[in-house]
Amino acid sequence: MNRVEIETKVKDFLIEELEIDEDKIFADAKLKDDMGIDSLDFVDIVVIVERNFGFKIKAEEMAGVDTFSKFCDYIESKIN
């Protein structure tokens, strides 16, 4: 899966499942501040990522992952 496919898939589930406005999703968008993702949303994201990408997110690996781009980097590093 290439980077564009990853970003598209992540963007789609953020819009569809977490109901985040598409205009709030861009490379440097902060997950918490710009998109409004909270700890309850993160629980959903863990399940969605496992279903869509086939791996479990480890909380300790998410340190420093605070933007849409970094989140996609993290997913890309786990599946490629």
Protein backbone atom coordinates (compact mmCIF):
# COMPACT_ATOMS: atom_id res chain seq x y z
CA MET A 1 0.00 0.00 0.00
CA ASN A 2 1.47 3.35 -1.00
CA ARG A 3 1.35 6.65 0.89
CA VAL A 4 -1.55 8.09 -1.11
CA GLU A 5 -3.65 4.97 -0.45
CA ILE A 6 -2.86 5.16 3.28
CA GLU A 7 -3.76 8.86 3.49
CA THR A 8 -6.99 8.28 1.56
CA LYS A 9 -8.02 5.37 3.77
CA VAL A 10 -7.23 7.29 6.98
CA LYS A 11 -9.02 10.40 5.76
CA ASP A 12 -12.07 8.33 4.76
CA PHE A 13 -12.43 6.68 8.17
CA LEU A 14 -11.89 9.98 10.00
CA ILE A 15 -14.73 11.50 7.97
CA GLU A 16 -17.06 8.49 7.96
CA GLU A 17 -16.56 6.95 11.38
CA LEU A 18 -15.48 9.90 13.55
CA GLU A 19 -17.47 12.52 11.62
CA ILE A 20 -14.55 14.93 11.29
CA ASP A 21 -15.08 17.68 8.73
CA GLU A 22 -13.00 17.06 5.62
CA ASP A 23 -11.66 20.63 5.65
CA LYS A 24 -10.08 19.96 9.07
CA ILE A 25 -7.97 17.10 7.68
CA PHE A 26 -4.67 18.24 6.17
CA ALA A 27 -1.02 17.22 6.55
CA ASP A 28 -0.14 19.50 9.48
CA ALA A 29 -3.56 19.29 11.18
CA LYS A 30 -3.16 18.53 14.89
CA LEU A 31 -5.13 15.42 15.85
CA LYS A 32 -6.40 16.96 19.10
CA ASP A 33 -6.40 20.71 18.49
CA ASP A 34 -7.50 20.90 14.84
CA MET A 35 -9.52 17.72 14.43
CA GLY A 36 -10.88 17.45 17.96
CA ILE A 37 -9.85 13.81 18.44
CA ASP A 38 -10.10 12.91 22.13
CA SER A 39 -9.22 9.81 24.14
CA LEU A 40 -12.58 8.15 23.40
CA ASP A 41 -12.09 8.72 19.66
CA PHE A 42 -8.63 7.21 19.97
CA VAL A 43 -10.16 3.96 21.26
CA ASP A 44 -12.25 3.85 18.08
CA ILE A 45 -9.20 4.64 15.95
CA VAL A 46 -7.32 1.66 17.44
CA VAL A 47 -10.15 -0.68 16.36
CA ILE A 48 -10.52 0.94 12.93
CA VAL A 49 -6.77 0.79 12.20
CA GLU A 50 -6.65 -2.87 13.19
CA ARG A 51 -9.60 -3.63 10.91
CA ASN A 52 -8.29 -1.60 7.95
CA PHE A 53 -4.53 -2.12 8.19
CA GLY A 54 -4.13 -5.36 10.15
CA PHE A 55 -2.04 -4.26 13.13
CA LYS A 56 -2.63 -3.02 16.66
CA ILE A 57 -1.59 0.48 17.66
CA LYS A 58 0.64 0.52 20.72
CA ALA A 59 0.16 3.62 22.87
CA GLU A 60 3.88 3.93 23.60
CA GLU A 61 4.62 4.07 19.85
CA MET A 62 2.22 6.98 19.43
CA ALA A 63 4.32 9.40 21.50
CA GLY A 64 4.98 12.41 19.31
CA VAL A 65 2.36 11.43 16.75
CA ASP A 66 0.32 14.61 16.89
CA THR A 67 -0.55 15.47 13.28
CA PHE A 68 -2.38 13.78 10.42
CA SER A 69 0.89 13.42 8.51
CA LYS A 70 2.73 11.84 11.45
CA PHE A 71 -0.18 9.46 12.01
CA CYS A 72 0.04 8.37 8.36
CA ASP A 73 3.84 8.04 8.75
CA TYR A 74 3.24 5.73 11.71
CA ILE A 75 0.80 3.55 9.79
CA GLU A 76 3.10 3.44 6.77
CA SER A 77 6.03 2.33 8.96
CA LYS A 78 3.96 -0.53 10.40
CA ILE A 79 2.60 -1.95 7.15
CA ASN A 80 5.57 -1.49 4.81
